[in-house]
Amino acid sequence: MIMMLLVRLVDVYSFLIFVYVMMSWVPHEKGVLADVYRALGMLCDPYLDLFRKFVPPLGGMVDVSPILALLVLQFGVRLIAALFSF
């Protein structure tokens, strides 16, 4: 039961990271979108910054660290769930 909750929470967090990354491609200086983007940044950036230290942007502009961060998050939680399900 606890593992299912953990997996669901990680899925929600992964979705928030995905939305945050997609929003970074859209200009939003003022308004509700800017507020949502800042709020997502406060939630997602601490985790993403761990990977940005090790994965430099491609060509100086394309940040691929969220891909690695999502993979680690998804595989990690599912590995933990599989280990504790035995």
PDB file of N, CA and C in Angstrom:
ATOM      1  N   MET A   1       0.830  -1.198   0.000  1.00  0.00           N
ATOM      2  CA  MET A   1       0.000   0.000   0.000  1.00  0.00           C
ATOM      3  C   MET A   1       0.874   1.262   0.000  1.00  0.00           C
ATOM      4  N   ILE A   2       1.883   1.283   0.868  1.00  0.00           N
ATOM      5  CA  ILE A   2       2.779   2.437   0.950  1.00  0.00           C
ATOM      6  C   ILE A   2       3.570   2.579  -0.353  1.00  0.00           C
ATOM      7  N   MET A   3       3.986   1.456  -0.916  1.00  0.00           N
ATOM      8  CA  MET A   3       4.753   1.499  -2.165  1.00  0.00           C
ATOM      9  C   MET A   3       3.907   2.060  -3.302  1.00  0.00           C
ATOM     10  N   MET A   4       2.647   1.690  -3.357  1.00  0.00           N
ATOM     11  CA  MET A   4       1.771   2.221  -4.401  1.00  0.00           C
ATOM     12  C   MET A   4       1.614   3.733  -4.263  1.00  0.00           C
ATOM     13  N   LEU A   5       1.509   4.197  -3.024  1.00  0.00           N
ATOM     14  CA  LEU A   5       1.413   5.636  -2.778  1.00  0.00           C
ATOM     15  C   LEU A   5       2.700   6.334  -3.212  1.00  0.00           C
ATOM     16  N   LEU A   6       3.847   5.732  -2.891  1.00  0.00           N
ATOM     17  CA  LEU A   6       5.127   6.308  -3.291  1.00  0.00           C
ATOM     18  C   LEU A   6       5.244   6.378  -4.808  1.00  0.00           C
ATOM     19  N   VAL A   7       4.856   5.317  -5.488  1.00  0.00           N
ATOM     20  CA  VAL A   7       4.910   5.301  -6.950  1.00  0.00           C
ATOM     21  C   VAL A   7       3.991   6.377  -7.532  1.00  0.00           C
ATOM     22  N   ARG A   8       2.812   6.526  -6.979  1.00  0.00           N
ATOM     23  CA  ARG A   8       1.871   7.547  -7.470  1.00  0.00           C
ATOM     24  C   ARG A   8       2.411   8.963  -7.230  1.00  0.00           C
ATOM     25  N   LEU A   9       3.010   9.184  -6.073  1.00  0.00           N
ATOM     26  CA  LEU A   9       3.590  10.504  -5.781  1.00  0.00           C
ATOM     27  C   LEU A   9       4.732  10.821  -6.742  1.00  0.00           C
ATOM     28  N   VAL A  10       5.547   9.831  -7.036  1.00  0.00           N
ATOM     29  CA  VAL A  10       6.636  10.033  -7.991  1.00  0.00           C
ATOM     30  C   VAL A  10       6.079  10.278  -9.387  1.00  0.00           C
ATOM     31  N   ASP A  11       5.012   9.604  -9.739  1.00  0.00           N
ATOM     32  CA  ASP A  11       4.376   9.854 -11.037  1.00  0.00           C
ATOM     33  C   ASP A  11       3.857  11.295 -11.129  1.00  0.00           C
ATOM     34  N   VAL A  12       3.252  11.776 -10.068  1.00  0.00           N
ATOM     35  CA  VAL A  12       2.757  13.161 -10.047  1.00  0.00           C
ATOM     36  C   VAL A  12       3.929  14.132 -10.146  1.00  0.00           C
ATOM     37  N   TYR A  13       4.999  13.866  -9.394  1.00  0.00           N
ATOM     38  CA  TYR A  13       6.176  14.741  -9.435  1.00  0.00           C
ATOM     39  C   TYR A  13       6.811  14.721 -10.829  1.00  0.00           C
ATOM     40  N   SER A  14       6.854  13.562 -11.454  1.00  0.00           N
ATOM     41  CA  SER A  14       7.374  13.457 -12.822  1.00  0.00           C
ATOM     42  C   SER A  14       6.529  14.284 -13.782  1.00  0.00           C
ATOM     43  N   PHE A  15       5.231  14.237 -13.616  1.00  0.00           N
ATOM     44  CA  PHE A  15       4.349  15.039 -14.460  1.00  0.00           C
ATOM     45  C   PHE A  15       4.601  16.534 -14.244  1.00  0.00           C
ATOM     46  N   LEU A  16       4.809  16.942 -12.997  1.00  0.00           N
ATOM     47  CA  LEU A  16       5.101  18.345 -12.717  1.00  0.00           C
ATOM     48  C   LEU A  16       6.411  18.777 -13.370  1.00  0.00           C
ATOM     49  N   ILE A  17       7.410  17.908 -13.338  1.00  0.00           N
ATOM     50  CA  ILE A  17       8.673  18.216 -14.016  1.00  0.00           C
ATOM     51  C   ILE A  17       8.442  18.360 -15.506  1.00  0.00           C
ATOM     52  N   PHE A  18       7.665  17.457 -16.081  1.00  0.00           N
ATOM     53  CA  PHE A  18       7.368  17.522 -17.514  1.00  0.00           C
ATOM     54  C   PHE A  18       6.671  18.834 -17.871  1.00  0.00           C
ATOM     55  N   VAL A  19       5.680  19.224 -17.087  1.00  0.00           N
ATOM     56  CA  VAL A  19       4.963  20.479 -17.335  1.00  0.00           C
ATOM     57  C   VAL A  19       5.914  21.664 -17.198  1.00  0.00           C
ATOM     58  N   TYR A  20       6.764  21.635 -16.190  1.00  0.00           N
ATOM     59  CA  TYR A  20       7.737  22.712 -15.970  1.00  0.00           C
ATOM     60  C   TYR A  20       8.673  22.851 -17.174  1.00  0.00           C
ATOM     61  N   VAL A  21       9.164  21.738 -17.684  1.00  0.00           N
ATOM     62  CA  VAL A  21      10.065  21.771 -18.840  1.00  0.00           C
ATOM     63  C   VAL A  21       9.327  22.285 -20.070  1.00  0.00           C
ATOM     64  N   MET A  22       8.105  21.830 -20.284  1.00  0.00           N
ATOM     65  CA  MET A  22       7.341  22.304 -21.438  1.00  0.00           C
ATOM     66  C   MET A  22       7.041  23.799 -21.327  1.00  0.00           C
ATOM     67  N   MET A  23       6.758  24.256 -20.105  1.00  0.00           N
ATOM     68  CA  MET A  23       6.472  25.686 -19.921  1.00  0.00           C
ATOM     69  C   MET A  23       7.711  26.543 -20.159  1.00  0.00           C
ATOM     70  N   SER A  24       8.889  25.973 -20.004  1.00  0.00           N
ATOM     71  CA  SER A  24      10.111  26.757 -20.218  1.00  0.00           C
ATOM     72  C   SER A  24      10.291  27.123 -21.685  1.00  0.00           C
ATOM     73  N   TRP A  25       9.585  26.463 -22.577  1.00  0.00           N
ATOM     74  CA  TRP A  25       9.672  26.762 -24.002  1.00  0.00           C
ATOM     75  C   TRP A  25       8.726  27.872 -24.418  1.00  0.00           C
ATOM     76  N   VAL A  26       7.813  28.271 -23.544  1.00  0.00           N
ATOM     77  CA  VAL A  26       6.794  29.265 -23.870  1.00  0.00           C
ATOM     78  C   VAL A  26       7.093  30.557 -23.116  1.00  0.00           C
ATOM     79  N   PRO A  27       7.086  31.687 -23.800  1.00  0.00           N
ATOM     80  CA  PRO A  27       7.320  32.950 -23.091  1.00  0.00           C
ATOM     81  C   PRO A  27       6.153  33.283 -22.152  1.00  0.00           C
ATOM     82  N   HIS A  28       6.493  33.680 -20.941  1.00  0.00           N
ATOM     83  CA  HIS A  28       5.477  34.050 -19.946  1.00  0.00           C
ATOM     84  C   HIS A  28       6.136  34.978 -18.931  1.00  0.00           C
ATOM     85  N   GLU A  29       5.954  36.265 -19.147  1.00  0.00           N
ATOM     86  CA  GLU A  29       6.586  37.251 -18.283  1.00  0.00           C
ATOM     87  C   GLU A  29       5.682  37.699 -17.146  1.00  0.00           C
ATOM     88  N   LYS A  30       4.393  37.739 -17.386  1.00  0.00           N
ATOM     89  CA  LYS A  30       3.448  38.209 -16.374  1.00  0.00           C
ATOM     90  C   LYS A  30       2.248  37.284 -16.333  1.00  0.00           C
ATOM     91  N   GLY A  31       1.466  37.438 -15.299  1.00  0.00           N
ATOM     92  CA  GLY A  31       0.201  36.740 -15.234  1.00  0.00           C
ATOM     93  C   GLY A  31       0.265  35.406 -14.529  1.00  0.00           C
ATOM     94  N   VAL A  32      -0.801  34.671 -14.718  1.00  0.00           N
ATOM     95  CA  VAL A  32      -0.985  33.395 -14.024  1.00  0.00           C
ATOM     96  C   VAL A  32       0.066  32.380 -14.468  1.00  0.00           C
ATOM     97  N   LEU A  33       0.383  32.335 -15.771  1.00  0.00           N
ATOM     98  CA  LEU A  33       1.381  31.381 -16.243  1.00  0.00           C
ATOM     99  C   LEU A  33       2.741  31.613 -15.603  1.00  0.00           C
ATOM    100  N   ALA A  34       3.106  32.853 -15.440  1.00  0.00           N
ATOM    101  CA  ALA A  34       4.387  33.169 -14.791  1.00  0.00           C
ATOM    102  C   ALA A  34       4.378  32.704 -13.342  1.00  0.00           C
ATOM    103  N   ASP A  35       3.259  32.877 -12.662  1.00  0.00           N
ATOM    104  CA  ASP A  35       3.149  32.421 -11.272  1.00  0.00           C
ATOM    105  C   ASP A  35       3.219  30.906 -11.177  1.00  0.00           C
ATOM    106  N   VAL A  36       2.544  30.227 -12.081  1.00  0.00           N
ATOM    107  CA  VAL A  36       2.582  28.762 -12.096  1.00  0.00           C
ATOM    108  C   VAL A  36       3.995  28.284 -12.387  1.00  0.00           C
ATOM    109  N   TYR A  37       4.656  28.930 -13.349  1.00  0.00           N
ATOM    110  CA  TYR A  37       6.022  28.556 -13.713  1.00  0.00           C
ATOM    111  C   TYR A  37       6.975  28.736 -12.528  1.00  0.00           C
ATOM    112  N   ARG A  38       6.835  29.836 -11.812  1.00  0.00           N
ATOM    113  CA  ARG A  38       7.687  30.069 -10.629  1.00  0.00           C
ATOM    114  C   ARG A  38       7.414  29.038  -9.543  1.00  0.00           C
ATOM    115  N   ALA A  39       6.155  28.708  -9.329  1.00  0.00           N
ATOM    116  CA  ALA A  39       5.802  27.713  -8.311  1.00  0.00           C
ATOM    117  C   ALA A  39       6.363  26.336  -8.690  1.00  0.00           C
ATOM    118  N   LEU A  40       6.241  25.974  -9.957  1.00  0.00           N
ATOM    119  CA  LEU A  40       6.803  24.704 -10.404  1.00  0.00           C
ATOM    120  C   LEU A  40       8.328  24.712 -10.286  1.00  0.00           C
ATOM    121  N   GLY A  41       8.919  25.857 -10.557  1.00  0.00           N
ATOM    122  CA  GLY A  41      10.365  25.976 -10.421  1.00  0.00           C
ATOM    123  C   GLY A  41      10.827  25.744  -8.990  1.00  0.00           C
ATOM    124  N   MET A  42      10.057  26.250  -8.033  1.00  0.00           N
ATOM    125  CA  MET A  42      10.406  26.043  -6.627  1.00  0.00           C
ATOM    126  C   MET A  42      10.308  24.564  -6.250  1.00  0.00           C
ATOM    127  N   LEU A  43       9.419  23.825  -6.893  1.00  0.00           N
ATOM    128  CA  LEU A  43       9.264  22.393  -6.616  1.00  0.00           C
ATOM    129  C   LEU A  43      10.269  21.534  -7.388  1.00  0.00           C
ATOM    130  N   CYS A  44      10.528  21.902  -8.628  1.00  0.00           N
ATOM    131  CA  CYS A  44      11.304  21.034  -9.520  1.00  0.00           C
ATOM    132  C   CYS A  44      12.796  21.360  -9.573  1.00  0.00           C
ATOM    133  N   ASP A  45      13.161  22.622  -9.461  1.00  0.00           N
ATOM    134  CA  ASP A  45      14.562  23.003  -9.630  1.00  0.00           C
ATOM    135  C   ASP A  45      15.524  22.359  -8.632  1.00  0.00           C
ATOM    136  N   PRO A  46      15.172  22.199  -7.365  1.00  0.00           N
ATOM    137  CA  PRO A  46      16.144  21.543  -6.476  1.00  0.00           C
ATOM    138  C   PRO A  46      16.541  20.142  -6.952  1.00  0.00           C
ATOM    139  N   TYR A  47      15.596  19.372  -7.443  1.00  0.00           N
ATOM    140  CA  TYR A  47      15.904  18.045  -7.959  1.00  0.00           C
ATOM    141  C   TYR A  47      16.640  18.127  -9.297  1.00  0.00           C
ATOM    142  N   LEU A  48      16.171  18.985 -10.193  1.00  0.00           N
ATOM    143  CA  LEU A  48      16.799  19.104 -11.506  1.00  0.00           C
ATOM    144  C   LEU A  48      18.218  19.654 -11.410  1.00  0.00           C
ATOM    145  N   ASP A  49      18.478  20.513 -10.444  1.00  0.00           N
ATOM    146  CA  ASP A  49      19.813  21.086 -10.281  1.00  0.00           C
ATOM    147  C   ASP A  49      20.859  20.026  -9.962  1.00  0.00           C
ATOM    148  N   LEU A  50      20.445  18.944  -9.324  1.00  0.00           N
ATOM    149  CA  LEU A  50      21.380  17.841  -9.063  1.00  0.00           C
ATOM    150  C   LEU A  50      21.940  17.288 -10.372  1.00  0.00           C
ATOM    151  N   PHE A  51      21.118  17.223 -11.393  1.00  0.00           N
ATOM    152  CA  PHE A  51      21.531  16.663 -12.678  1.00  0.00           C
ATOM    153  C   PHE A  51      22.176  17.724 -13.565  1.00  0.00           C
ATOM    154  N   ARG A  52      21.802  18.963 -13.400  1.00  0.00           N
ATOM    155  CA  ARG A  52      22.397  20.040 -14.200  1.00  0.00           C
ATOM    156  C   ARG A  52      23.875  20.220 -13.876  1.00  0.00           C
ATOM    157  N   LYS A  53      24.290  19.810 -12.686  1.00  0.00           N
ATOM    158  CA  LYS A  53      25.708  19.885 -12.321  1.00  0.00           C
ATOM    159  C   LYS A  53      26.548  18.934 -13.166  1.00  0.00           C
ATOM    160  N   PHE A  54      25.967  17.799 -13.572  1.00  0.00           N
ATOM    161  CA  PHE A  54      26.711  16.762 -14.259  1.00  0.00           C
ATOM    162  C   PHE A  54      26.471  16.701 -15.757  1.00  0.00           C
ATOM    163  N   VAL A  55      25.346  17.223 -16.209  1.00  0.00           N
ATOM    164  CA  VAL A  55      24.995  17.147 -17.632  1.00  0.00           C
ATOM    165  C   VAL A  55      24.953  18.569 -18.194  1.00  0.00           C
ATOM    166  N   PRO A  56      25.996  18.939 -18.947  1.00  0.00           N
ATOM    167  CA  PRO A  56      25.979  20.293 -19.523  1.00  0.00           C
ATOM    168  C   PRO A  56      24.972  20.387 -20.667  1.00  0.00           C
ATOM    169  N   PRO A  57      24.460  21.586 -20.921  1.00  0.00           N
ATOM    170  CA  PRO A  57      23.529  21.764 -22.047  1.00  0.00           C
ATOM    171  C   PRO A  57      24.196  21.423 -23.381  1.00  0.00           C
ATOM    172  N   LEU A  58      23.462  20.787 -24.258  1.00  0.00           N
ATOM    173  CA  LEU A  58      23.982  20.465 -25.583  1.00  0.00           C
ATOM    174  C   LEU A  58      24.014  21.726 -26.432  1.00  0.00           C
ATOM    175  N   GLY A  59      25.134  21.989 -27.041  1.00  0.00           N
ATOM    176  CA  GLY A  59      25.264  23.172 -27.879  1.00  0.00           C
ATOM    177  C   GLY A  59      25.113  24.456 -27.092  1.00  0.00           C
ATOM    178  N   GLY A  60      25.195  24.380 -25.778  1.00  0.00           N
ATOM    179  CA  GLY A  60      25.074  25.551 -24.930  1.00  0.00           C
ATOM    180  C   GLY A  60      23.649  26.009 -24.685  1.00  0.00           C
ATOM    181  N   MET A  61      22.664  25.344 -25.328  1.00  0.00           N
ATOM    182  CA  MET A  61      21.292  25.833 -25.203  1.00  0.00           C
ATOM    183  C   MET A  61      20.278  24.772 -24.791  1.00  0.00           C
ATOM    184  N   VAL A  62      20.460  23.539 -25.207  1.00  0.00           N
ATOM    185  CA  VAL A  62      19.461  22.496 -24.977  1.00  0.00           C
ATOM    186  C   VAL A  62      19.807  21.733 -23.706  1.00  0.00           C
ATOM    187  N   ASP A  63      18.959  21.872 -22.705  1.00  0.00           N
ATOM    188  CA  ASP A  63      19.164  21.222 -21.418  1.00  0.00           C
ATOM    189  C   ASP A  63      18.518  19.842 -21.446  1.00  0.00           C
ATOM    190  N   VAL A  64      19.349  18.793 -21.438  1.00  0.00           N
ATOM    191  CA  VAL A  64      18.830  17.422 -21.467  1.00  0.00           C
ATOM    192  C   VAL A  64      18.814  16.792 -20.079  1.00  0.00           C
ATOM    193  N   SER A  65      19.213  17.554 -19.076  1.00  0.00           N
ATOM    194  CA  SER A  65      19.242  17.003 -17.719  1.00  0.00           C
ATOM    195  C   SER A  65      17.860  16.574 -17.212  1.00  0.00           C
ATOM    196  N   PRO A  66      16.751  17.234 -17.599  1.00  0.00           N
ATOM    197  CA  PRO A  66      15.444  16.732 -17.152  1.00  0.00           C
ATOM    198  C   PRO A  66      15.139  15.314 -17.636  1.00  0.00           C
ATOM    199  N   ILE A  67      15.639  14.949 -18.799  1.00  0.00           N
ATOM    200  CA  ILE A  67      15.412  13.592 -19.296  1.00  0.00           C
ATOM    201  C   ILE A  67      16.080  12.592 -18.368  1.00  0.00           C
ATOM    202  N   LEU A  68      17.338  12.853 -18.034  1.00  0.00           N
ATOM    203  CA  LEU A  68      18.059  11.972 -17.119  1.00  0.00           C
ATOM    204  C   LEU A  68      17.405  11.968 -15.740  1.00  0.00           C
ATOM    205  N   ALA A  69      16.981  13.132 -15.287  1.00  0.00           N
ATOM    206  CA  ALA A  69      16.337  13.231 -13.971  1.00  0.00           C
ATOM    207  C   ALA A  69      15.049  12.415 -13.919  1.00  0.00           C
ATOM    208  N   LEU A  70      14.258  12.492 -14.969  1.00  0.00           N
ATOM    209  CA  LEU A  70      13.015  11.710 -15.012  1.00  0.00           C
ATOM    210  C   LEU A  70      13.291  10.208 -15.075  1.00  0.00           C
ATOM    211  N   LEU A  71      14.285   9.827 -15.848  1.00  0.00           N
ATOM    212  CA  LEU A  71      14.632   8.408 -15.928  1.00  0.00           C
ATOM    213  C   LEU A  71      15.081   7.871 -14.574  1.00  0.00           C
ATOM    214  N   VAL A  72      15.945   8.612 -13.904  1.00  0.00           N
ATOM    215  CA  VAL A  72      16.426   8.181 -12.584  1.00  0.00           C
ATOM    216  C   VAL A  72      15.268   8.105 -11.599  1.00  0.00           C
ATOM    217  N   LEU A  73      14.408   9.081 -11.621  1.00  0.00           N
ATOM    218  CA  LEU A  73      13.264   9.104 -10.713  1.00  0.00           C
ATOM    219  C   LEU A  73      12.338   7.910 -10.953  1.00  0.00           C
ATOM    220  N   GLN A  74      11.989   7.673 -12.201  1.00  0.00           N
ATOM    221  CA  GLN A  74      11.061   6.588 -12.523  1.00  0.00           C
ATOM    222  C   GLN A  74      11.671   5.208 -12.261  1.00  0.00           C
ATOM    223  N   PHE A  75      12.886   4.989 -12.749  1.00  0.00           N
ATOM    224  CA  PHE A  75      13.519   3.684 -12.529  1.00  0.00           C
ATOM    225  C   PHE A  75      13.838   3.465 -11.061  1.00  0.00           C
ATOM    226  N   GLY A  76      14.250   4.522 -10.378  1.00  0.00           N
ATOM    227  CA  GLY A  76      14.582   4.397  -8.965  1.00  0.00           C
ATOM    228  C   GLY A  76      13.399   3.993  -8.112  1.00  0.00           C
ATOM    229  N   VAL A  77      12.281   4.648  -8.280  1.00  0.00           N
ATOM    230  CA  VAL A  77      11.119   4.330  -7.451  1.00  0.00           C
ATOM    231  C   VAL A  77      10.566   2.949  -7.783  1.00  0.00           C
ATOM    232  N   ARG A  78      10.638   2.580  -9.040  1.00  0.00           N
ATOM    233  CA  ARG A  78      10.137   1.256  -9.398  1.00  0.00           C
ATOM    234  C   ARG A  78      11.086   0.150  -8.922  1.00  0.00           C
ATOM    235  N   LEU A  79      12.363   0.427  -8.889  1.00  0.00           N
ATOM    236  CA  LEU A  79      13.327  -0.522  -8.325  1.00  0.00           C
ATOM    237  C   LEU A  79      13.078  -0.701  -6.825  1.00  0.00           C
ATOM    238  N   ILE A  80      12.891   0.392  -6.133  1.00  0.00           N
ATOM    239  CA  ILE A  80      12.600   0.333  -4.704  1.00  0.00           C
ATOM    240  C   ILE A  80      11.302  -0.430  -4.454  1.00  0.00           C
ATOM    241  N   ALA A  81      10.280  -0.137  -5.244  1.00  0.00           N
ATOM    242  CA  ALA A  81       8.992  -0.827  -5.085  1.00  0.00           C
ATOM    243  C   ALA A  81       9.152  -2.324  -5.345  1.00  0.00           C
ATOM    244  N   ALA A  82       9.942  -2.681  -6.348  1.00  0.00           N
ATOM    245  CA  ALA A  82      10.137  -4.098  -6.655  1.00  0.00           C
ATOM    246  C   ALA A  82      10.911  -4.789  -5.549  1.00  0.00           C
ATOM    247  N   LEU A  83      11.902  -4.129  -4.972  1.00  0.00           N
ATOM    248  CA  LEU A  83      12.693  -4.734  -3.898  1.00  0.00           C
ATOM    249  C   LEU A  83      11.862  -4.957  -2.645  1.00  0.00           C
ATOM    250  N   PHE A  84      10.978  -4.020  -2.344  1.00  0.00           N
ATOM    251  CA  PHE A  84      10.178  -4.137  -1.129  1.00  0.00           C
ATOM    252  C   PHE A  84       8.904  -4.957  -1.320  1.00  0.00           C
ATOM    253  N   SER A  85       8.613  -5.354  -2.543  1.00  0.00           N
ATOM    254  CA  SER A  85       7.400  -6.131  -2.763  1.00  0.00           C
ATOM    255  C   SER A  85       7.612  -7.614  -2.500  1.00  0.00           C
ATOM    256  N   PHE A  86       8.866  -8.020  -2.324  1.00  0.00           N
ATOM    257  CA  PHE A  86       9.140  -9.445  -2.056  1.00  0.00           C
ATOM    258  C   PHE A  86       8.994  -9.786  -0.614  1.00  0.00           C
TER     259      PHE A  86
END
